[in-house]
């Protein structure tokens, strides 16, 4: 849940929709605009703290500010 919290805390102003879809066998995939940016299965591990947030940031337009700044 920390990935969700990170994304909404920092970029709630640019996220139109965020869905959590339960999966089986510990599936954890993060998809942005139809592109897979993180997969626990492919990486063979849980995301490190802040990792999903950093991957999300790479998808933003240069200069995109965080919420409240």
PDB file of N, CA and C in Angstrom:
ATOM      1  N   UNK A   1       0.806  -1.193   0.000  1.00  0.00           N
ATOM      2  CA  UNK A   1       0.000   0.000   0.000  1.00  0.00           C
ATOM      3  C   UNK A   1       0.852   1.261   0.000  1.00  0.00           C
ATOM      4  N   UNK A   2       2.121   1.159   0.345  1.00  0.00           N
ATOM      5  CA  UNK A   2       2.926   2.377   0.371  1.00  0.00           C
ATOM      6  C   UNK A   2       3.098   2.965  -1.024  1.00  0.00           C
ATOM      7  N   UNK A   3       3.085   2.133  -2.059  1.00  0.00           N
ATOM      8  CA  UNK A   3       3.186   2.655  -3.430  1.00  0.00           C
ATOM      9  C   UNK A   3       1.959   3.516  -3.741  1.00  0.00           C
ATOM     10  N   UNK A   4       0.788   3.043  -3.368  1.00  0.00           N
ATOM     11  CA  UNK A   4      -0.442   3.808  -3.569  1.00  0.00           C
ATOM     12  C   UNK A   4      -0.394   5.118  -2.800  1.00  0.00           C
ATOM     13  N   UNK A   5       0.010   5.039  -1.548  1.00  0.00           N
ATOM     14  CA  UNK A   5       0.107   6.234  -0.708  1.00  0.00           C
ATOM     15  C   UNK A   5       1.097   7.235  -1.308  1.00  0.00           C
ATOM     16  N   UNK A   6       2.263   6.749  -1.736  1.00  0.00           N
ATOM     17  CA  UNK A   6       3.268   7.624  -2.353  1.00  0.00           C
ATOM     18  C   UNK A   6       2.714   8.331  -3.581  1.00  0.00           C
ATOM     19  N   UNK A   7       2.084   7.568  -4.468  1.00  0.00           N
ATOM     20  CA  UNK A   7       1.567   8.138  -5.712  1.00  0.00           C
ATOM     21  C   UNK A   7       0.510   9.200  -5.445  1.00  0.00           C
ATOM     22  N   UNK A   8      -0.436   8.887  -4.570  1.00  0.00           N
ATOM     23  CA  UNK A   8      -1.507   9.842  -4.295  1.00  0.00           C
ATOM     24  C   UNK A   8      -1.021  11.052  -3.512  1.00  0.00           C
ATOM     25  N   UNK A   9      -0.084  10.862  -2.617  1.00  0.00           N
ATOM     26  CA  UNK A   9       0.436  11.987  -1.836  1.00  0.00           C
ATOM     27  C   UNK A   9       1.167  12.981  -2.739  1.00  0.00           C
ATOM     28  N   UNK A  10       1.981  12.479  -3.645  1.00  0.00           N
ATOM     29  CA  UNK A  10       2.823  13.338  -4.467  1.00  0.00           C
ATOM     30  C   UNK A  10       2.182  13.792  -5.786  1.00  0.00           C
ATOM     31  N   UNK A  11       1.276  12.961  -6.336  1.00  0.00           N
ATOM     32  CA  UNK A  11       0.769  13.259  -7.687  1.00  0.00           C
ATOM     33  C   UNK A  11      -0.738  13.107  -7.835  1.00  0.00           C
ATOM     34  N   UNK A  12      -1.480  13.357  -6.778  1.00  0.00           N
ATOM     35  CA  UNK A  12      -2.937  13.251  -6.868  1.00  0.00           C
ATOM     36  C   UNK A  12      -3.532  14.200  -7.902  1.00  0.00           C
ATOM     37  N   UNK A  13      -2.858  15.278  -8.197  1.00  0.00           N
ATOM     38  CA  UNK A  13      -3.366  16.266  -9.144  1.00  0.00           C
ATOM     39  C   UNK A  13      -3.216  15.826 -10.604  1.00  0.00           C
ATOM     40  N   UNK A  14      -2.461  14.764 -10.877  1.00  0.00           N
ATOM     41  CA  UNK A  14      -2.306  14.294 -12.257  1.00  0.00           C
ATOM     42  C   UNK A  14      -2.851  12.883 -12.468  1.00  0.00           C
ATOM     43  N   UNK A  15      -3.266  12.220 -11.398  1.00  0.00           N
ATOM     44  CA  UNK A  15      -3.810  10.858 -11.506  1.00  0.00           C
ATOM     45  C   UNK A  15      -5.317  10.950 -11.656  1.00  0.00           C
ATOM     46  N   UNK A  16      -5.811  10.511 -12.816  1.00  0.00           N
ATOM     47  CA  UNK A  16      -7.259  10.522 -13.068  1.00  0.00           C
ATOM     48  C   UNK A  16      -7.945   9.318 -12.435  1.00  0.00           C
ATOM     49  N   UNK A  17      -7.244   8.205 -12.403  1.00  0.00           N
ATOM     50  CA  UNK A  17      -7.843   6.981 -11.880  1.00  0.00           C
ATOM     51  C   UNK A  17      -6.730   6.107 -11.322  1.00  0.00           C
ATOM     52  N   UNK A  18      -7.009   5.497 -10.178  1.00  0.00           N
ATOM     53  CA  UNK A  18      -6.085   4.539  -9.589  1.00  0.00           C
ATOM     54  C   UNK A  18      -6.916   3.357  -9.125  1.00  0.00           C
ATOM     55  N   UNK A  19      -6.611   2.190  -9.640  1.00  0.00           N
ATOM     56  CA  UNK A  19      -7.371   0.988  -9.291  1.00  0.00           C
ATOM     57  C   UNK A  19      -6.451  -0.030  -8.647  1.00  0.00           C
ATOM     58  N   UNK A  20      -6.937  -0.652  -7.590  1.00  0.00           N
ATOM     59  CA  UNK A  20      -6.268  -1.791  -6.987  1.00  0.00           C
ATOM     60  C   UNK A  20      -7.073  -3.018  -7.356  1.00  0.00           C
ATOM     61  N   UNK A  21      -6.426  -3.951  -8.038  1.00  0.00           N
ATOM     62  CA  UNK A  21      -7.113  -5.155  -8.495  1.00  0.00           C
ATOM     63  C   UNK A  21      -6.486  -6.345  -7.790  1.00  0.00           C
ATOM     64  N   UNK A  22      -7.247  -7.031  -6.948  1.00  0.00           N
ATOM     65  CA  UNK A  22      -6.694  -8.186  -6.256  1.00  0.00           C
ATOM     66  C   UNK A  22      -6.252  -9.257  -7.254  1.00  0.00           C
ATOM     67  N   UNK A  23      -5.106  -9.820  -6.988  1.00  0.00           N
ATOM     68  CA  UNK A  23      -4.597 -10.908  -7.821  1.00  0.00           C
ATOM     69  C   UNK A  23      -4.261 -12.085  -6.937  1.00  0.00           C
ATOM     70  N   UNK A  24      -3.935 -13.186  -7.547  1.00  0.00           N
ATOM     71  CA  UNK A  24      -3.570 -14.343  -6.744  1.00  0.00           C
ATOM     72  C   UNK A  24      -2.069 -14.576  -6.826  1.00  0.00           C
ATOM     73  N   UNK A  25      -1.565 -15.315  -5.886  1.00  0.00           N
ATOM     74  CA  UNK A  25      -0.150 -15.676  -5.830  1.00  0.00           C
ATOM     75  C   UNK A  25       0.767 -14.465  -5.685  1.00  0.00           C
ATOM     76  N   UNK A  26       0.300 -13.412  -4.986  1.00  0.00           N
ATOM     77  CA  UNK A  26       1.146 -12.264  -4.705  1.00  0.00           C
ATOM     78  C   UNK A  26       1.457 -11.380  -5.892  1.00  0.00           C
ATOM     79  N   UNK A  27       0.597 -11.389  -6.901  1.00  0.00           N
ATOM     80  CA  UNK A  27       0.808 -10.551  -8.083  1.00  0.00           C
ATOM     81  C   UNK A  27       0.829  -9.086  -7.664  1.00  0.00           C
ATOM     82  N   UNK A  28       1.800  -8.334  -8.164  1.00  0.00           N
ATOM     83  CA  UNK A  28       1.855  -6.896  -7.942  1.00  0.00           C
ATOM     84  C   UNK A  28       2.420  -6.275  -9.208  1.00  0.00           C
ATOM     85  N   UNK A  29       1.540  -5.751 -10.036  1.00  0.00           N
ATOM     86  CA  UNK A  29       1.919  -5.079 -11.272  1.00  0.00           C
ATOM     87  C   UNK A  29       1.442  -3.642 -11.197  1.00  0.00           C
ATOM     88  N   UNK A  30       2.230  -2.734 -11.728  1.00  0.00           N
ATOM     89  CA  UNK A  30       1.836  -1.333 -11.800  1.00  0.00           C
ATOM     90  C   UNK A  30       1.813  -0.952 -13.275  1.00  0.00           C
ATOM     91  N   UNK A  31       0.646  -0.522 -13.728  1.00  0.00           N
ATOM     92  CA  UNK A  31       0.433  -0.165 -15.125  1.00  0.00           C
ATOM     93  C   UNK A  31       0.041   1.307 -15.196  1.00  0.00           C
ATOM     94  N   UNK A  32       0.726   2.069 -16.047  1.00  0.00           N
ATOM     95  CA  UNK A  32       0.434   3.485 -16.241  1.00  0.00           C
ATOM     96  C   UNK A  32       0.132   3.698 -17.716  1.00  0.00           C
ATOM     97  N   UNK A  33      -1.058   4.201 -17.998  1.00  0.00           N
ATOM     98  CA  UNK A  33      -1.489   4.451 -19.376  1.00  0.00           C
ATOM     99  C   UNK A  33      -1.274   3.230 -20.269  1.00  0.00           C
ATOM    100  N   UNK A  34      -1.568   2.061 -19.725  1.00  0.00           N
ATOM    101  CA  UNK A  34      -1.473   0.823 -20.498  1.00  0.00           C
ATOM    102  C   UNK A  34      -0.083   0.204 -20.555  1.00  0.00           C
ATOM    103  N   UNK A  35       0.914   0.849 -19.976  1.00  0.00           N
ATOM    104  CA  UNK A  35       2.287   0.339 -19.986  1.00  0.00           C
ATOM    105  C   UNK A  35       2.668  -0.194 -18.608  1.00  0.00           C
ATOM    106  N   UNK A  36       3.194  -1.401 -18.580  1.00  0.00           N
ATOM    107  CA  UNK A  36       3.652  -2.008 -17.341  1.00  0.00           C
ATOM    108  C   UNK A  36       4.951  -1.325 -16.914  1.00  0.00           C
ATOM    109  N   UNK A  37       4.934  -0.699 -15.727  1.00  0.00           N
ATOM    110  CA  UNK A  37       6.166  -0.036 -15.269  1.00  0.00           C
ATOM    111  C   UNK A  37       6.840  -0.806 -14.140  1.00  0.00           C
ATOM    112  N   UNK A  38       6.105  -1.702 -13.461  1.00  0.00           N
ATOM    113  CA  UNK A  38       6.711  -2.553 -12.440  1.00  0.00           C
ATOM    114  C   UNK A  38       5.939  -3.859 -12.358  1.00  0.00           C
ATOM    115  N   UNK A  39       6.665  -4.953 -12.269  1.00  0.00           N
ATOM    116  CA  UNK A  39       6.062  -6.270 -12.091  1.00  0.00           C
ATOM    117  C   UNK A  39       6.865  -7.049 -11.067  1.00  0.00           C
ATOM    118  N   UNK A  40       6.223  -7.414  -9.982  1.00  0.00           N
ATOM    119  CA  UNK A  40       6.884  -8.214  -8.956  1.00  0.00           C
ATOM    120  C   UNK A  40       7.315  -9.554  -9.544  1.00  0.00           C
ATOM    121  N   UNK A  41       6.481 -10.135 -10.374  1.00  0.00           N
ATOM    122  CA  UNK A  41       6.803 -11.423 -10.989  1.00  0.00           C
ATOM    123  C   UNK A  41       8.056 -11.324 -11.870  1.00  0.00           C
ATOM    124  N   UNK A  42       8.113 -10.289 -12.708  1.00  0.00           N
ATOM    125  CA  UNK A  42       9.266 -10.123 -13.608  1.00  0.00           C
ATOM    126  C   UNK A  42      10.541  -9.801 -12.835  1.00  0.00           C
ATOM    127  N   UNK A  43      10.410  -8.999 -11.770  1.00  0.00           N
ATOM    128  CA  UNK A  43      11.580  -8.600 -10.991  1.00  0.00           C
ATOM    129  C   UNK A  43      12.001  -9.676  -9.993  1.00  0.00           C
ATOM    130  N   UNK A  44      11.056 -10.529  -9.628  1.00  0.00           N
ATOM    131  CA  UNK A  44      11.357 -11.585  -8.665  1.00  0.00           C
ATOM    132  C   UNK A  44      11.460 -11.082  -7.235  1.00  0.00           C
ATOM    133  N   UNK A  45      10.878  -9.912  -6.970  1.00  0.00           N
ATOM    134  CA  UNK A  45      10.956  -9.328  -5.630  1.00  0.00           C
ATOM    135  C   UNK A  45       9.876  -8.255  -5.469  1.00  0.00           C
ATOM    136  N   UNK A  46       9.649  -7.893  -4.209  1.00  0.00           N
ATOM    137  CA  UNK A  46       8.767  -6.763  -3.917  1.00  0.00           C
ATOM    138  C   UNK A  46       9.473  -5.474  -4.325  1.00  0.00           C
ATOM    139  N   UNK A  47       8.696  -4.454  -4.634  1.00  0.00           N
ATOM    140  CA  UNK A  47       9.267  -3.138  -4.936  1.00  0.00           C
ATOM    141  C   UNK A  47       9.911  -2.570  -3.677  1.00  0.00           C
ATOM    142  N   UNK A  48      11.035  -1.931  -3.842  1.00  0.00           N
ATOM    143  CA  UNK A  48      11.695  -1.252  -2.723  1.00  0.00           C
ATOM    144  C   UNK A  48      10.913   0.014  -2.396  1.00  0.00           C
ATOM    145  N   UNK A  49      11.006   0.511  -1.153  1.00  0.00           N
ATOM    146  CA  UNK A  49      10.313   1.754  -0.810  1.00  0.00           C
ATOM    147  C   UNK A  49      10.697   2.882  -1.777  1.00  0.00           C
ATOM    148  N   UNK A  50       9.692   3.524  -2.338  1.00  0.00           N
ATOM    149  CA  UNK A  50       9.911   4.641  -3.264  1.00  0.00           C
ATOM    150  C   UNK A  50      10.199   4.239  -4.700  1.00  0.00           C
ATOM    151  N   UNK A  51      10.385   2.955  -4.969  1.00  0.00           N
ATOM    152  CA  UNK A  51      10.739   2.504  -6.324  1.00  0.00           C
ATOM    153  C   UNK A  51       9.623   2.763  -7.328  1.00  0.00           C
ATOM    154  N   UNK A  52       8.392   2.440  -6.975  1.00  0.00           N
ATOM    155  CA  UNK A  52       7.270   2.656  -7.894  1.00  0.00           C
ATOM    156  C   UNK A  52       7.083   4.153  -8.144  1.00  0.00           C
ATOM    157  N   UNK A  53       7.239   4.958  -7.116  1.00  0.00           N
ATOM    158  CA  UNK A  53       7.128   6.410  -7.265  1.00  0.00           C
ATOM    159  C   UNK A  53       8.170   6.927  -8.252  1.00  0.00           C
ATOM    160  N   UNK A  54       9.395   6.461  -8.143  1.00  0.00           N
ATOM    161  CA  UNK A  54      10.451   6.895  -9.068  1.00  0.00           C
ATOM    162  C   UNK A  54      10.151   6.451 -10.499  1.00  0.00           C
ATOM    163  N   UNK A  55       9.651   5.241 -10.664  1.00  0.00           N
ATOM    164  CA  UNK A  55       9.291   4.771 -12.000  1.00  0.00           C
ATOM    165  C   UNK A  55       8.145   5.613 -12.577  1.00  0.00           C
ATOM    166  N   UNK A  56       7.189   5.983 -11.740  1.00  0.00           N
ATOM    167  CA  UNK A  56       6.090   6.835 -12.171  1.00  0.00           C
ATOM    168  C   UNK A  56       6.612   8.198 -12.615  1.00  0.00           C
ATOM    169  N   UNK A  57       7.536   8.744 -11.847  1.00  0.00           N
ATOM    170  CA  UNK A  57       8.096  10.066 -12.180  1.00  0.00           C
ATOM    171  C   UNK A  57       8.744  10.081 -13.564  1.00  0.00           C
ATOM    172  N   UNK A  58       9.330   8.978 -13.978  1.00  0.00           N
ATOM    173  CA  UNK A  58       9.966   8.935 -15.299  1.00  0.00           C
ATOM    174  C   UNK A  58       8.945   9.071 -16.418  1.00  0.00           C
ATOM    175  N   UNK A  59       7.680   8.841 -16.113  1.00  0.00           N
ATOM    176  CA  UNK A  59       6.609   8.925 -17.110  1.00  0.00           C
ATOM    177  C   UNK A  59       6.018  10.325 -17.229  1.00  0.00           C
ATOM    178  N   UNK A  60       6.364  11.208 -16.310  1.00  0.00           N
ATOM    179  CA  UNK A  60       5.786  12.545 -16.293  1.00  0.00           C
ATOM    180  C   UNK A  60       6.524  13.492 -17.227  1.00  0.00           C
ATOM    181  N   UNK A  61       5.841  14.553 -17.596  1.00  0.00           N
ATOM    182  CA  UNK A  61       6.461  15.591 -18.406  1.00  0.00           C
ATOM    183  C   UNK A  61       7.573  16.254 -17.591  1.00  0.00           C
ATOM    184  N   UNK A  62       8.661  16.646 -18.239  1.00  0.00           N
ATOM    185  CA  UNK A  62       9.720  17.342 -17.507  1.00  0.00           C
ATOM    186  C   UNK A  62       9.163  18.586 -16.801  1.00  0.00           C
ATOM    187  N   UNK A  63       9.589  18.787 -15.595  1.00  0.00           N
ATOM    188  CA  UNK A  63       9.148  19.957 -14.835  1.00  0.00           C
ATOM    189  C   UNK A  63       7.831  19.775 -14.092  1.00  0.00           C
ATOM    190  N   UNK A  64       7.206  18.588 -14.208  1.00  0.00           N
ATOM    191  CA  UNK A  64       5.950  18.352 -13.502  1.00  0.00           C
ATOM    192  C   UNK A  64       6.200  18.439 -11.998  1.00  0.00           C
ATOM    193  N   UNK A  65       5.454  19.304 -11.353  1.00  0.00           N
ATOM    194  CA  UNK A  65       5.644  19.520  -9.922  1.00  0.00           C
ATOM    195  C   UNK A  65       4.805  18.562  -9.099  1.00  0.00           C
ATOM    196  N   UNK A  66       5.287  18.301  -7.905  1.00  0.00           N
ATOM    197  CA  UNK A  66       4.521  17.476  -6.973  1.00  0.00           C
ATOM    198  C   UNK A  66       3.350  18.271  -6.428  1.00  0.00           C
ATOM    199  N   UNK A  67       2.356  17.582  -5.950  1.00  0.00           N
ATOM    200  CA  UNK A  67       1.166  18.206  -5.368  1.00  0.00           C
ATOM    201  C   UNK A  67       1.554  19.122  -4.222  1.00  0.00           C
ATOM    202  N   UNK A  68       1.030  20.311  -4.223  1.00  0.00           N
ATOM    203  CA  UNK A  68       1.244  21.254  -3.143  1.00  0.00           C
ATOM    204  C   UNK A  68       2.534  22.042  -3.212  1.00  0.00           C
ATOM    205  N   UNK A  69       3.298  21.880  -4.291  1.00  0.00           N
ATOM    206  CA  UNK A  69       4.553  22.649  -4.388  1.00  0.00           C
ATOM    207  C   UNK A  69       4.451  23.706  -5.453  1.00  0.00           C
TER     208      UNK A  69
END
